[in-house]
Amino acid sequence: MSSPDAGTAAVVGGGTMGAGIAYVLAAAGTATTVVEPDAGRADRLVGELTARARTGVERGRVDPGVAEALPGLLRVVGAVAELPTGLDLVVESVPEDPELKARVLAAAEARAPRLLATNTSSVGIGSLAAGLAAPDRFLGMHFFNPVWSIALVEVVRGPATSDDAVAAARDHATRIGKESIVVADVPGFATSRLDNIAAFEAMRMLEEGVASAEDIDRAAVLAYGHPIGPLRLSDVVGLDVRLDIARHLESVYGERYAAPAILRRLVGEGRLGRKTGRGFFHWT
């Protein structure tokens, strides 16, 4: 159930990750504003998250009181300038474009939040902090998809991030029922390096005919206890996102992170995973 001191927050970006972050914040009782400029997406967002909560109730995973309170804790606006000032936390969750993120973060900082975070999985915290007036209150809070199911938040400390900011981020993670780890500001942090090297190897195995996509994923789930296989997870993340991350990590770490040919081909064909209905798997 919600806590009486669950605070206030905003998420900039109402896509898959942003919506998931907004959901877990509101489910913990945090009054949460989502910035989503796409009017159609904005109109659907609260309804989709409310339906998610009701599904959780039906499966015995969400308290009925949480689902009932959720719509009243969510608000959607069209621009960062419409956010309230002085929020406890603002999380930026826009696409992995450094220039876009820098613009959004500067606008969010102007709303004077107590803590400003980015949900990036690959862009350096130090580089994003360069344009901020108070980089000591800025860090990475890297969530994982699906946000409501994955227990981890990766807290990424930038060169100027203060100890107080790290402690605040870990406290926010605890309040929404997550575990946190603290990592240094290196390309790919810890989890993206591990996740993508496994995903790229699974793609190469598929290219080489080692096994079908279904069986490669079953191996990861049944032998190693992964909740989802690396190829299906790639479809959920978005193959275009995987490709962007591959290019960035390859530029830093070399050929071991080079995008497999099958990934480049599928993106070129517009098969981006779940969001387009086809990737390594068919989605309905």
C-alpha atoms as a PDB file:
ATOM      1  CA  MET A   1       0.000   0.000   0.000  1.00  0.00           C
ATOM      2  CA  SER A   2       1.063   3.603  -0.400  1.00  0.00           C
ATOM      3  CA  SER A   3       3.090   5.420   2.201  1.00  0.00           C
ATOM      4  CA  PRO A   4       1.908   8.768   3.623  1.00  0.00           C
ATOM      5  CA  ASP A   5       5.361  10.253   2.907  1.00  0.00           C
ATOM      6  CA  ALA A   6       5.745   8.780  -0.579  1.00  0.00           C
ATOM      7  CA  GLY A   7       6.505  12.223  -2.019  1.00  0.00           C
ATOM      8  CA  THR A   8       6.286  13.673  -5.493  1.00  0.00           C
ATOM      9  CA  ALA A   9       7.983  12.742  -8.749  1.00  0.00           C
ATOM     10  CA  ALA A  10       7.908  13.178 -12.499  1.00  0.00           C
ATOM     11  CA  VAL A  11       8.951  11.036 -15.430  1.00  0.00           C
ATOM     12  CA  VAL A  12       9.852  12.724 -18.704  1.00  0.00           C
ATOM     13  CA  GLY A  13       8.864  10.373 -21.518  1.00  0.00           C
ATOM     14  CA  GLY A  14       5.820   8.121 -21.600  1.00  0.00           C
ATOM     15  CA  GLY A  15       7.252   5.295 -23.705  1.00  0.00           C
ATOM     16  CA  THR A  16       7.746   1.733 -22.520  1.00  0.00           C
ATOM     17  CA  MET A  17      10.356   2.541 -19.893  1.00  0.00           C
ATOM     18  CA  GLY A  18       8.895   5.866 -18.797  1.00  0.00           C
ATOM     19  CA  ALA A  19       5.455   4.354 -18.359  1.00  0.00           C
ATOM     20  CA  GLY A  20       6.905   1.524 -16.312  1.00  0.00           C
ATOM     21  CA  ILE A  21       8.796   3.920 -14.046  1.00  0.00           C
ATOM     22  CA  ALA A  22       5.673   6.039 -13.580  1.00  0.00           C
ATOM     23  CA  TYR A  23       3.713   2.897 -12.705  1.00  0.00           C
ATOM     24  CA  VAL A  24       6.049   1.748  -9.929  1.00  0.00           C
ATOM     25  CA  LEU A  25       6.271   5.269  -8.496  1.00  0.00           C
ATOM     26  CA  ALA A  26       2.492   5.687  -8.383  1.00  0.00           C
ATOM     27  CA  ALA A  27       1.975   2.140  -7.103  1.00  0.00           C
ATOM     28  CA  ALA A  28       4.168   3.085  -4.141  1.00  0.00           C
ATOM     29  CA  GLY A  29       1.929   6.060  -3.436  1.00  0.00           C
ATOM     30  CA  THR A  30       4.055   8.745  -5.078  1.00  0.00           C
ATOM     31  CA  ALA A  31       2.137  11.557  -6.783  1.00  0.00           C
ATOM     32  CA  THR A  32       3.618  11.233 -10.272  1.00  0.00           C
ATOM     33  CA  THR A  33       3.475  13.520 -13.303  1.00  0.00           C
ATOM     34  CA  VAL A  34       4.409  12.133 -16.716  1.00  0.00           C
ATOM     35  CA  VAL A  35       5.602  14.399 -19.532  1.00  0.00           C
ATOM     36  CA  GLU A  36       4.438  12.974 -22.866  1.00  0.00           C
ATOM     37  CA  PRO A  37       4.180  15.326 -25.873  1.00  0.00           C
ATOM     38  CA  ASP A  38       2.396  12.785 -28.091  1.00  0.00           C
ATOM     39  CA  ALA A  39      -1.280  13.547 -27.478  1.00  0.00           C
ATOM     40  CA  GLY A  40      -2.492  10.077 -28.412  1.00  0.00           C
ATOM     41  CA  ARG A  41      -0.007   8.377 -26.167  1.00  0.00           C
ATOM     42  CA  ALA A  42      -0.753  10.832 -23.365  1.00  0.00           C
ATOM     43  CA  ASP A  43      -4.499  10.134 -23.598  1.00  0.00           C
ATOM     44  CA  ARG A  44      -3.965   6.378 -23.303  1.00  0.00           C
ATOM     45  CA  LEU A  45      -1.299   6.317 -20.621  1.00  0.00           C
ATOM     46  CA  VAL A  46      -3.269   6.468 -17.376  1.00  0.00           C
ATOM     47  CA  GLY A  47      -5.806   3.954 -18.676  1.00  0.00           C
ATOM     48  CA  GLU A  48      -3.079   1.522 -19.705  1.00  0.00           C
ATOM     49  CA  LEU A  49      -1.338   1.744 -16.335  1.00  0.00           C
ATOM     50  CA  THR A  50      -4.639   1.372 -14.484  1.00  0.00           C
ATOM     51  CA  ALA A  51      -5.380  -1.750 -16.531  1.00  0.00           C
ATOM     52  CA  ARG A  52      -1.906  -3.068 -15.667  1.00  0.00           C
ATOM     53  CA  ALA A  53      -2.676  -2.613 -11.965  1.00  0.00           C
ATOM     54  CA  ARG A  54      -6.029  -4.386 -12.296  1.00  0.00           C
ATOM     55  CA  THR A  55      -4.317  -7.301 -14.018  1.00  0.00           C
ATOM     56  CA  GLY A  56      -1.901  -7.425 -11.098  1.00  0.00           C
ATOM     57  CA  VAL A  57      -4.836  -7.616  -8.693  1.00  0.00           C
ATOM     58  CA  GLU A  58      -6.366 -10.501 -10.668  1.00  0.00           C
ATOM     59  CA  ARG A  59      -3.060 -12.364 -10.467  1.00  0.00           C
ATOM     60  CA  GLY A  60      -2.695 -11.737  -6.761  1.00  0.00           C
ATOM     61  CA  ARG A  61       0.379  -9.554  -7.192  1.00  0.00           C
ATOM     62  CA  VAL A  62      -1.092  -6.103  -6.522  1.00  0.00           C
ATOM     63  CA  ASP A  63      -3.128  -4.967  -3.522  1.00  0.00           C
ATOM     64  CA  PRO A  64      -6.629  -3.860  -4.600  1.00  0.00           C
ATOM     65  CA  GLY A  65      -6.131  -0.580  -2.742  1.00  0.00           C
ATOM     66  CA  VAL A  66      -3.065   0.183  -4.842  1.00  0.00           C
ATOM     67  CA  ALA A  67      -4.983  -0.335  -8.074  1.00  0.00           C
ATOM     68  CA  GLU A  68      -7.853   1.807  -6.822  1.00  0.00           C
ATOM     69  CA  ALA A  69      -5.535   4.679  -5.831  1.00  0.00           C
ATOM     70  CA  LEU A  70      -3.329   4.569  -8.926  1.00  0.00           C
ATOM     71  CA  PRO A  71      -5.344   6.780 -11.338  1.00  0.00           C
ATOM     72  CA  GLY A  72      -5.552   9.552  -8.758  1.00  0.00           C
ATOM     73  CA  LEU A  73      -1.786   9.582  -8.335  1.00  0.00           C
ATOM     74  CA  LEU A  74      -1.001   9.924 -12.046  1.00  0.00           C
ATOM     75  CA  ARG A  75      -1.120  13.118 -14.113  1.00  0.00           C
ATOM     76  CA  VAL A  76       0.054  13.639 -17.707  1.00  0.00           C
ATOM     77  CA  VAL A  77       1.294  16.919 -19.182  1.00  0.00           C
ATOM     78  CA  GLY A  78       2.630  17.780 -22.601  1.00  0.00           C
ATOM     79  CA  ALA A  79       5.860  19.631 -21.779  1.00  0.00           C
ATOM     80  CA  VAL A  80       8.566  19.786 -19.117  1.00  0.00           C
ATOM     81  CA  ALA A  81       7.698  23.456 -18.507  1.00  0.00           C
ATOM     82  CA  GLU A  82       4.317  22.294 -17.168  1.00  0.00           C
ATOM     83  CA  LEU A  83       5.893  20.289 -14.334  1.00  0.00           C
ATOM     84  CA  PRO A  84       5.461  21.539 -10.782  1.00  0.00           C
ATOM     85  CA  THR A  85       8.558  23.040  -9.187  1.00  0.00           C
ATOM     86  CA  GLY A  86      10.349  21.459  -6.242  1.00  0.00           C
ATOM     87  CA  LEU A  87       9.495  17.816  -6.943  1.00  0.00           C
ATOM     88  CA  ASP A  88      11.375  15.213  -4.920  1.00  0.00           C
ATOM     89  CA  LEU A  89      12.541  13.367  -8.043  1.00  0.00           C
ATOM     90  CA  VAL A  90      12.499  13.843 -11.807  1.00  0.00           C
ATOM     91  CA  VAL A  91      13.548  10.909 -13.999  1.00  0.00           C
ATOM     92  CA  GLU A  92      14.337  11.568 -17.668  1.00  0.00           C
ATOM     93  CA  SER A  93      13.420   8.604 -19.864  1.00  0.00           C
ATOM     94  CA  VAL A  94      13.616   9.783 -23.485  1.00  0.00           C
ATOM     95  CA  PRO A  95      15.390   7.954 -26.358  1.00  0.00           C
ATOM     96  CA  GLU A  96      19.137   7.313 -26.195  1.00  0.00           C
ATOM     97  CA  ASP A  97      20.073  10.500 -28.040  1.00  0.00           C
ATOM     98  CA  PRO A  98      22.649  12.488 -26.008  1.00  0.00           C
ATOM     99  CA  GLU A  99      21.622  15.867 -27.444  1.00  0.00           C
ATOM    100  CA  LEU A 100      17.934  15.235 -26.782  1.00  0.00           C
ATOM    101  CA  LYS A 101      18.664  14.055 -23.266  1.00  0.00           C
ATOM    102  CA  ALA A 102      20.816  17.121 -22.560  1.00  0.00           C
ATOM    103  CA  ARG A 103      18.001  19.458 -23.663  1.00  0.00           C
ATOM    104  CA  VAL A 104      15.397  17.625 -21.615  1.00  0.00           C
ATOM    105  CA  LEU A 105      17.591  17.512 -18.521  1.00  0.00           C
ATOM    106  CA  ALA A 106      18.336  21.239 -18.704  1.00  0.00           C
ATOM    107  CA  ALA A 107      14.606  21.966 -18.940  1.00  0.00           C
ATOM    108  CA  ALA A 108      13.877  19.582 -16.057  1.00  0.00           C
ATOM    109  CA  GLU A 109      16.572  21.156 -13.881  1.00  0.00           C
ATOM    110  CA  ALA A 110      14.879  24.528 -14.361  1.00  0.00           C
ATOM    111  CA  ARG A 111      11.901  23.083 -12.438  1.00  0.00           C
ATOM    112  CA  ALA A 112      14.214  22.790  -9.378  1.00  0.00           C
ATOM    113  CA  PRO A 113      13.740  19.136  -8.377  1.00  0.00           C
ATOM    114  CA  ARG A 114      15.535  17.879  -5.295  1.00  0.00           C
ATOM    115  CA  LEU A 115      17.027  15.023  -7.321  1.00  0.00           C
ATOM    116  CA  LEU A 116      17.416  14.751 -11.112  1.00  0.00           C
ATOM    117  CA  ALA A 117      18.074  11.397 -12.744  1.00  0.00           C
ATOM    118  CA  THR A 118      18.439   9.883 -16.186  1.00  0.00           C
ATOM    119  CA  ASN A 119      17.277   6.383 -17.083  1.00  0.00           C
ATOM    120  CA  THR A 120      19.975   6.001 -19.736  1.00  0.00           C
ATOM    121  CA  SER A 121      21.471   2.554 -20.235  1.00  0.00           C
ATOM    122  CA  SER A 122      24.564   3.749 -22.104  1.00  0.00           C
ATOM    123  CA  VAL A 123      25.100   7.530 -22.240  1.00  0.00           C
ATOM    124  CA  GLY A 124      27.751   8.853 -19.847  1.00  0.00           C
ATOM    125  CA  ILE A 125      26.474  10.645 -16.751  1.00  0.00           C
ATOM    126  CA  GLY A 126      29.415  13.042 -16.775  1.00  0.00           C
ATOM    127  CA  SER A 127      28.728  14.144 -20.331  1.00  0.00           C
ATOM    128  CA  LEU A 128      25.039  14.740 -19.563  1.00  0.00           C
ATOM    129  CA  ALA A 129      25.933  16.644 -16.395  1.00  0.00           C
ATOM    130  CA  ALA A 130      28.160  19.085 -18.294  1.00  0.00           C
ATOM    131  CA  GLY A 131      25.238  21.339 -19.179  1.00  0.00           C
ATOM    132  CA  LEU A 132      23.645  21.352 -15.717  1.00  0.00           C
ATOM    133  CA  ALA A 133      23.937  24.065 -13.091  1.00  0.00           C
ATOM    134  CA  ALA A 134      23.893  21.579 -10.188  1.00  0.00           C
ATOM    135  CA  PRO A 135      25.591  18.360 -11.356  1.00  0.00           C
ATOM    136  CA  ASP A 136      25.962  17.260  -7.731  1.00  0.00           C
ATOM    137  CA  ARG A 137      22.185  16.569  -7.637  1.00  0.00           C
ATOM    138  CA  PHE A 138      22.246  14.540 -10.866  1.00  0.00           C
ATOM    139  CA  LEU A 139      22.904  10.832 -11.469  1.00  0.00           C
ATOM    140  CA  GLY A 140      21.756   7.780 -13.350  1.00  0.00           C
ATOM    141  CA  MET A 141      18.827   5.631 -12.193  1.00  0.00           C
ATOM    142  CA  HIS A 142      18.787   2.793 -14.702  1.00  0.00           C
ATOM    143  CA  PHE A 143      15.569   0.763 -14.524  1.00  0.00           C
ATOM    144  CA  PHE A 144      14.902  -2.508 -16.339  1.00  0.00           C
ATOM    145  CA  ASN A 145      12.060  -3.673 -18.526  1.00  0.00           C
ATOM    146  CA  PRO A 146       9.453  -4.668 -17.459  1.00  0.00           C
ATOM    147  CA  VAL A 147       9.923  -2.171 -14.643  1.00  0.00           C
ATOM    148  CA  TRP A 148       7.144  -3.634 -12.473  1.00  0.00           C
ATOM    149  CA  SER A 149       8.814  -7.073 -12.521  1.00  0.00           C
ATOM    150  CA  ILE A 150      12.577  -6.464 -12.398  1.00  0.00           C
ATOM    151  CA  ALA A 151      13.779  -5.747  -8.865  1.00  0.00           C
ATOM    152  CA  LEU A 152      16.962  -3.846  -9.700  1.00  0.00           C
ATOM    153  CA  VAL A 153      17.748  -0.151 -10.107  1.00  0.00           C
ATOM    154  CA  GLU A 154      21.318   0.613 -11.171  1.00  0.00           C
ATOM    155  CA  VAL A 155      22.415   3.898  -9.562  1.00  0.00           C
ATOM    156  CA  VAL A 156      25.175   5.484 -11.634  1.00  0.00           C
ATOM    157  CA  ARG A 157      27.399   8.006  -9.889  1.00  0.00           C
ATOM    158  CA  GLY A 158      28.741  10.749 -12.150  1.00  0.00           C
ATOM    159  CA  PRO A 159      32.016  12.612 -11.512  1.00  0.00           C
ATOM    160  CA  ALA A 160      30.187  15.413  -9.664  1.00  0.00           C
ATOM    161  CA  THR A 161      27.394  13.387  -8.031  1.00  0.00           C
ATOM    162  CA  SER A 162      27.248  13.968  -4.284  1.00  0.00           C
ATOM    163  CA  ASP A 163      26.986  11.292  -1.606  1.00  0.00           C
ATOM    164  CA  ASP A 164      23.645  12.815  -0.610  1.00  0.00           C
ATOM    165  CA  ALA A 165      22.300  12.361  -4.143  1.00  0.00           C
ATOM    166  CA  VAL A 166      23.370   8.712  -4.212  1.00  0.00           C
ATOM    167  CA  ALA A 167      21.744   8.121  -0.819  1.00  0.00           C
ATOM    168  CA  ALA A 168      18.538   9.834  -1.986  1.00  0.00           C
ATOM    169  CA  ALA A 169      18.397   7.725  -5.153  1.00  0.00           C
ATOM    170  CA  ARG A 170      18.835   4.527  -3.170  1.00  0.00           C
ATOM    171  CA  ASP A 171      16.113   5.658  -0.773  1.00  0.00           C
ATOM    172  CA  HIS A 172      13.730   6.277  -3.683  1.00  0.00           C
ATOM    173  CA  ALA A 173      14.534   2.801  -5.016  1.00  0.00           C
ATOM    174  CA  THR A 174      13.755   1.236  -1.642  1.00  0.00           C
ATOM    175  CA  ARG A 175      10.445   3.119  -1.383  1.00  0.00           C
ATOM    176  CA  ILE A 176       9.237   1.637  -4.669  1.00  0.00           C
ATOM    177  CA  GLY A 177      10.283  -1.872  -3.650  1.00  0.00           C
ATOM    178  CA  LYS A 178      13.521  -2.090  -5.626  1.00  0.00           C
ATOM    179  CA  GLU A 179      17.037  -3.190  -4.754  1.00  0.00           C
ATOM    180  CA  SER A 180      19.859  -0.904  -5.898  1.00  0.00           C
ATOM    181  CA  ILE A 181      23.519  -1.178  -6.785  1.00  0.00           C
ATOM    182  CA  VAL A 182      25.935   1.734  -7.203  1.00  0.00           C
ATOM    183  CA  VAL A 183      28.250   1.713 -10.211  1.00  0.00           C
ATOM    184  CA  ALA A 184      30.826   4.009 -11.720  1.00  0.00           C
ATOM    185  CA  ASP A 185      30.199   6.181 -14.762  1.00  0.00           C
ATOM    186  CA  VAL A 186      31.778   3.958 -17.403  1.00  0.00           C
ATOM    187  CA  PRO A 187      30.239   3.203 -20.822  1.00  0.00           C
ATOM    188  CA  GLY A 188      27.538   0.561 -20.461  1.00  0.00           C
ATOM    189  CA  PHE A 189      27.821   0.769 -16.668  1.00  0.00           C
ATOM    190  CA  ALA A 190      27.611  -2.816 -15.305  1.00  0.00           C
ATOM    191  CA  THR A 191      24.300  -4.221 -16.436  1.00  0.00           C
ATOM    192  CA  SER A 192      24.247  -3.008 -20.033  1.00  0.00           C
ATOM    193  CA  ARG A 193      27.652  -4.545 -20.639  1.00  0.00           C
ATOM    194  CA  LEU A 194      26.499  -7.902 -19.263  1.00  0.00           C
ATOM    195  CA  ASP A 195      23.064  -7.803 -20.908  1.00  0.00           C
ATOM    196  CA  ASN A 196      24.223  -6.802 -24.367  1.00  0.00           C
ATOM    197  CA  ILE A 197      27.167  -9.180 -24.572  1.00  0.00           C
ATOM    198  CA  ALA A 198      24.728 -12.045 -23.835  1.00  0.00           C
ATOM    199  CA  ALA A 199      22.162 -10.732 -26.319  1.00  0.00           C
ATOM    200  CA  PHE A 200      24.721 -10.302 -29.101  1.00  0.00           C
ATOM    201  CA  GLU A 201      26.114 -13.795 -28.532  1.00  0.00           C
ATOM    202  CA  ALA A 202      22.586 -15.240 -28.691  1.00  0.00           C
ATOM    203  CA  MET A 203      22.060 -13.425 -32.009  1.00  0.00           C
ATOM    204  CA  ARG A 204      25.311 -14.832 -33.408  1.00  0.00           C
ATOM    205  CA  MET A 205      24.281 -18.321 -32.306  1.00  0.00           C
ATOM    206  CA  LEU A 206      21.025 -17.864 -34.200  1.00  0.00           C
ATOM    207  CA  GLU A 207      22.937 -16.693 -37.283  1.00  0.00           C
ATOM    208  CA  GLU A 208      25.184 -19.764 -37.083  1.00  0.00           C
ATOM    209  CA  GLY A 209      22.254 -22.175 -36.804  1.00  0.00           C
ATOM    210  CA  VAL A 210      23.228 -23.393 -33.337  1.00  0.00           C
ATOM    211  CA  ALA A 211      19.563 -23.543 -32.312  1.00  0.00           C
ATOM    212  CA  SER A 212      16.260 -21.814 -32.971  1.00  0.00           C
ATOM    213  CA  ALA A 213      15.423 -18.501 -31.320  1.00  0.00           C
ATOM    214  CA  GLU A 214      12.895 -20.303 -29.135  1.00  0.00           C
ATOM    215  CA  ASP A 215      15.418 -22.883 -27.945  1.00  0.00           C
ATOM    216  CA  ILE A 216      18.206 -20.377 -27.333  1.00  0.00           C
ATOM    217  CA  ASP A 217      15.835 -18.451 -25.087  1.00  0.00           C
ATOM    218  CA  ARG A 218      14.599 -21.620 -23.383  1.00  0.00           C
ATOM    219  CA  ALA A 219      18.195 -22.486 -22.536  1.00  0.00           C
ATOM    220  CA  ALA A 220      18.672 -19.153 -20.771  1.00  0.00           C
ATOM    221  CA  VAL A 221      15.410 -19.507 -18.862  1.00  0.00           C
ATOM    222  CA  LEU A 222      15.630 -23.183 -17.890  1.00  0.00           C
ATOM    223  CA  ALA A 223      19.376 -23.589 -17.364  1.00  0.00           C
ATOM    224  CA  TYR A 224      20.205 -20.238 -15.795  1.00  0.00           C
ATOM    225  CA  GLY A 225      16.928 -19.058 -14.311  1.00  0.00           C
ATOM    226  CA  HIS A 226      16.604 -15.923 -16.447  1.00  0.00           C
ATOM    227  CA  PRO A 227      13.006 -14.626 -16.382  1.00  0.00           C
ATOM    228  CA  ILE A 228      13.105 -14.065 -20.147  1.00  0.00           C
ATOM    229  CA  GLY A 229      15.502 -15.179 -22.887  1.00  0.00           C
ATOM    230  CA  PRO A 230      17.976 -12.741 -24.481  1.00  0.00           C
ATOM    231  CA  LEU A 231      16.276 -12.706 -27.892  1.00  0.00           C
ATOM    232  CA  ARG A 232      12.771 -12.135 -26.572  1.00  0.00           C
ATOM    233  CA  LEU A 233      14.145  -9.473 -24.232  1.00  0.00           C
ATOM    234  CA  SER A 234      15.793  -7.786 -27.209  1.00  0.00           C
ATOM    235  CA  ASP A 235      12.404  -7.669 -28.932  1.00  0.00           C
ATOM    236  CA  VAL A 236      10.907  -6.072 -25.828  1.00  0.00           C
ATOM    237  CA  VAL A 237      13.713  -3.521 -25.498  1.00  0.00           C
ATOM    238  CA  GLY A 238      13.527  -2.703 -29.208  1.00  0.00           C
ATOM    239  CA  LEU A 239      16.040  -3.876 -31.793  1.00  0.00           C
ATOM    240  CA  ASP A 240      16.716  -0.288 -32.840  1.00  0.00           C
ATOM    241  CA  VAL A 241      17.642   0.488 -29.231  1.00  0.00           C
ATOM    242  CA  ARG A 242      19.911  -2.575 -29.139  1.00  0.00           C
ATOM    243  CA  LEU A 243      21.607  -1.392 -32.317  1.00  0.00           C
ATOM    244  CA  ASP A 244      22.187   2.114 -30.957  1.00  0.00           C
ATOM    245  CA  ILE A 245      23.719   0.679 -27.798  1.00  0.00           C
ATOM    246  CA  ALA A 246      25.880  -1.718 -29.827  1.00  0.00           C
ATOM    247  CA  ARG A 247      27.321   1.137 -31.869  1.00  0.00           C
ATOM    248  CA  HIS A 248      28.097   3.142 -28.754  1.00  0.00           C
ATOM    249  CA  LEU A 249      29.710   0.255 -26.866  1.00  0.00           C
ATOM    250  CA  GLU A 250      31.698  -0.846 -29.912  1.00  0.00           C
ATOM    251  CA  SER A 251      33.141   2.664 -30.199  1.00  0.00           C
ATOM    252  CA  VAL A 252      34.475   2.289 -26.650  1.00  0.00           C
ATOM    253  CA  TYR A 253      35.242  -1.406 -26.159  1.00  0.00           C
ATOM    254  CA  GLY A 254      35.852  -2.619 -29.693  1.00  0.00           C
ATOM    255  CA  GLU A 255      34.711  -5.560 -31.748  1.00  0.00           C
ATOM    256  CA  ARG A 256      33.302  -7.659 -28.903  1.00  0.00           C
ATOM    257  CA  TYR A 257      30.286  -5.306 -28.888  1.00  0.00           C
ATOM    258  CA  ALA A 258      29.902  -5.074 -32.669  1.00  0.00           C
ATOM    259  CA  ALA A 259      26.279  -5.448 -33.756  1.00  0.00           C
ATOM    260  CA  PRO A 260      25.588  -8.904 -35.265  1.00  0.00           C
ATOM    261  CA  ALA A 261      24.591  -8.892 -38.922  1.00  0.00           C
ATOM    262  CA  ILE A 262      21.130 -10.256 -38.111  1.00  0.00           C
ATOM    263  CA  LEU A 263      20.451  -7.300 -35.812  1.00  0.00           C
ATOM    264  CA  ARG A 264      21.453  -4.792 -38.479  1.00  0.00           C
ATOM    265  CA  ARG A 265      19.310  -6.615 -41.052  1.00  0.00           C
ATOM    266  CA  LEU A 266      16.174  -6.754 -38.912  1.00  0.00           C
ATOM    267  CA  VAL A 267      16.432  -3.063 -38.023  1.00  0.00           C
ATOM    268  CA  GLY A 268      16.941  -2.234 -41.708  1.00  0.00           C
ATOM    269  CA  GLU A 269      13.754  -4.151 -42.517  1.00  0.00           C
ATOM    270  CA  GLY A 270      11.799  -2.263 -39.867  1.00  0.00           C
ATOM    271  CA  ARG A 271      11.430  -5.359 -37.697  1.00  0.00           C
ATOM    272  CA  LEU A 272      12.126  -3.681 -34.365  1.00  0.00           C
ATOM    273  CA  GLY A 273      10.555  -6.195 -32.012  1.00  0.00           C
ATOM    274  CA  ARG A 274       7.357  -6.018 -30.010  1.00  0.00           C
ATOM    275  CA  LYS A 275       6.590  -2.410 -30.904  1.00  0.00           C
ATOM    276  CA  THR A 276       6.333  -3.232 -34.620  1.00  0.00           C
ATOM    277  CA  GLY A 277       4.859  -6.718 -34.199  1.00  0.00           C
ATOM    278  CA  ARG A 278       7.926  -8.587 -35.488  1.00  0.00           C
ATOM    279  CA  GLY A 279      11.535  -8.988 -34.477  1.00  0.00           C
ATOM    280  CA  PHE A 280      13.113 -12.300 -33.571  1.00  0.00           C
ATOM    281  CA  PHE A 281       9.547 -13.372 -32.717  1.00  0.00           C
ATOM    282  CA  HIS A 282       6.028 -12.565 -33.912  1.00  0.00           C
ATOM    283  CA  TRP A 283       4.063 -10.400 -31.454  1.00  0.00           C
ATOM    284  CA  THR A 284       0.288 -10.001 -31.306  1.00  0.00           C
END
